[in-house]
C-alpha atoms as a PDB file:
ATOM      1  CA  ALA A   1       4.883   6.316  30.363  1.00  0.00           C
ATOM      2  CA  THR A   2       7.711   8.572  31.408  1.00  0.00           C
ATOM      3  CA  VAL A   3       7.928  11.082  34.232  1.00  0.00           C
ATOM      4  CA  VAL A   4      10.029  14.219  33.791  1.00  0.00           C
ATOM      5  CA  GLY A   5      10.549  17.321  35.883  1.00  0.00           C
ATOM      6  CA  LEU A   6       9.250  20.700  34.747  1.00  0.00           C
ATOM      7  CA  ALA A   7      10.212  24.060  36.184  1.00  0.00           C
ATOM      8  CA  ASP A   8       7.893  25.472  38.839  1.00  0.00           C
ATOM      9  CA  ASP A   9       8.067  28.926  40.424  1.00  0.00           C
ATOM     10  CA  ARG A  10       7.131  27.745  43.909  1.00  0.00           C
ATOM     11  CA  LEU A  11       8.708  24.293  44.166  1.00  0.00           C
ATOM     12  CA  GLY A  12      11.567  24.590  41.691  1.00  0.00           C
ATOM     13  CA  GLU A  13      10.524  21.491  39.774  1.00  0.00           C
ATOM     14  CA  ILE A  14       7.400  19.314  39.620  1.00  0.00           C
ATOM     15  CA  PRO A  15       6.907  15.774  38.284  1.00  0.00           C
ATOM     16  CA  VAL A  16       4.858  15.509  35.090  1.00  0.00           C
ATOM     17  CA  ALA A  17       3.828  12.215  33.456  1.00  0.00           C
ATOM     18  CA  VAL A  18       3.762  11.776  29.691  1.00  0.00           C
ATOM     19  CA  VAL A  19       1.782   8.665  28.765  1.00  0.00           C
ATOM     20  CA  GLU A  20       1.818   6.950  25.387  1.00  0.00           C
ATOM     21  CA  GLY A  21      -1.472   5.720  23.985  1.00  0.00           C
ATOM     22  CA  SER A  22      -4.984   6.683  24.892  1.00  0.00           C
ATOM     23  CA  GLY A  23      -6.635   7.334  28.196  1.00  0.00           C
ATOM     24  CA  ASP A  24      -8.121   9.913  30.457  1.00  0.00           C
ATOM     25  CA  PRO A  25      -5.439  12.069  32.128  1.00  0.00           C
ATOM     26  CA  ASP A  26      -7.631  12.537  35.202  1.00  0.00           C
ATOM     27  CA  GLY A  27      -8.231   8.795  35.448  1.00  0.00           C
ATOM     28  CA  ILE A  28      -4.515   8.074  35.197  1.00  0.00           C
ATOM     29  CA  ALA A  29      -3.728  10.653  37.896  1.00  0.00           C
ATOM     30  CA  HIS A  30      -6.416   9.158  40.125  1.00  0.00           C
ATOM     31  CA  ALA A  31      -5.047   5.630  39.597  1.00  0.00           C
ATOM     32  CA  VAL A  32      -1.574   6.571  40.861  1.00  0.00           C
ATOM     33  CA  ARG A  33      -2.861   8.718  43.719  1.00  0.00           C
ATOM     34  CA  ASP A  34      -3.164   5.743  46.089  1.00  0.00           C
ATOM     35  CA  ARG A  35       0.100   4.158  45.031  1.00  0.00           C
ATOM     36  CA  LEU A  36       2.540   7.075  45.379  1.00  0.00           C
ATOM     37  CA  VAL A  37       3.419   9.419  48.208  1.00  0.00           C
ATOM     38  CA  SER A  38       2.403  13.028  47.566  1.00  0.00           C
ATOM     39  CA  TYR A  39       5.796  14.384  46.519  1.00  0.00           C
ATOM     40  CA  LYS A  40       6.167  11.649  43.867  1.00  0.00           C
ATOM     41  CA  ARG A  41       2.704  12.092  42.306  1.00  0.00           C
ATOM     42  CA  PRO A  42       2.682  13.687  38.869  1.00  0.00           C
ATOM     43  CA  ARG A  43       1.114  17.148  39.073  1.00  0.00           C
ATOM     44  CA  ARG A  44      -0.014  16.879  35.453  1.00  0.00           C
ATOM     45  CA  VAL A  45      -0.574  13.993  33.065  1.00  0.00           C
ATOM     46  CA  PHE A  46      -0.264  14.396  29.304  1.00  0.00           C
ATOM     47  CA  VAL A  47      -1.390  11.690  26.875  1.00  0.00           C
ATOM     48  CA  VAL A  48       0.448  11.536  23.531  1.00  0.00           C
ATOM     49  CA  ASP A  49       0.166   9.226  20.521  1.00  0.00           C
ATOM     50  CA  ALA A  50       3.786   8.093  20.783  1.00  0.00           C
ATOM     51  CA  LEU A  51       6.770   8.842  22.991  1.00  0.00           C
ATOM     52  CA  PRO A  52       9.930   9.975  21.187  1.00  0.00           C
ATOM     53  CA  ARG A  53      12.479   7.194  21.047  1.00  0.00           C
ATOM     54  CA  LEU A  54      16.189   6.868  20.418  1.00  0.00           C
ATOM     55  CA  PRO A  55      17.529   4.660  17.605  1.00  0.00           C
ATOM     56  CA  ASN A  56      18.022   1.818  20.120  1.00  0.00           C
ATOM     57  CA  GLY A  57      14.306   1.930  21.052  1.00  0.00           C
ATOM     58  CA  LYS A  58      14.645   3.557  24.462  1.00  0.00           C
ATOM     59  CA  VAL A  59      12.536   6.573  25.363  1.00  0.00           C
ATOM     60  CA  ASP A  60      14.328   9.847  24.605  1.00  0.00           C
ATOM     61  CA  ARG A  61      13.842  11.599  27.951  1.00  0.00           C
ATOM     62  CA  VAL A  62      15.257  14.920  26.731  1.00  0.00           C
ATOM     63  CA  ALA A  63      12.753  14.988  23.866  1.00  0.00           C
ATOM     64  CA  VAL A  64       9.951  13.948  26.249  1.00  0.00           C
ATOM     65  CA  LYS A  65      10.804  16.914  28.465  1.00  0.00           C
ATOM     66  CA  HIS A  66      10.536  19.236  25.449  1.00  0.00           C
ATOM     67  CA  VAL A  67       7.175  17.672  24.524  1.00  0.00           C
ATOM     68  CA  ALA A  68       5.904  18.167  28.088  1.00  0.00           C
ATOM     69  CA  GLU A  69       7.085  21.786  28.121  1.00  0.00           C
ATOM     70  CA  SER A  70       5.316  22.513  24.838  1.00  0.00           C
ATOM     71  CA  LEU A  71       2.107  20.824  26.037  1.00  0.00           C
ATOM     72  CA  GLU A  72       2.307  22.803  29.286  1.00  0.00           C
ATOM     73  CA  ARG A  73       2.615  26.085  27.353  1.00  0.00           C
ATOM     74  CA  SER A  74      -0.259  25.194  25.040  1.00  0.00           C
ATOM     75  CA  GLU A  75      -2.615  24.638  28.012  1.00  0.00           C
ATOM     76  CA  ASP A  76      -1.847  28.007  29.590  1.00  0.00           C
END
């Protein structure tokens, strides 16, 4: 999983989680609700088949942000 910030009109930026694998986005959000303070909780959770990675195997956070933005637009 990776958390990135997406633009928000009211707050400026909100945390959004992008999770690799399968799972229920609502269940994932509920699971972290008790473990994180409110300002750190992801406002949305997206589940994808695979996170984009760099050649060295690390998660490509810039590409993840683009994926989250496109998923956000497709839900609106």
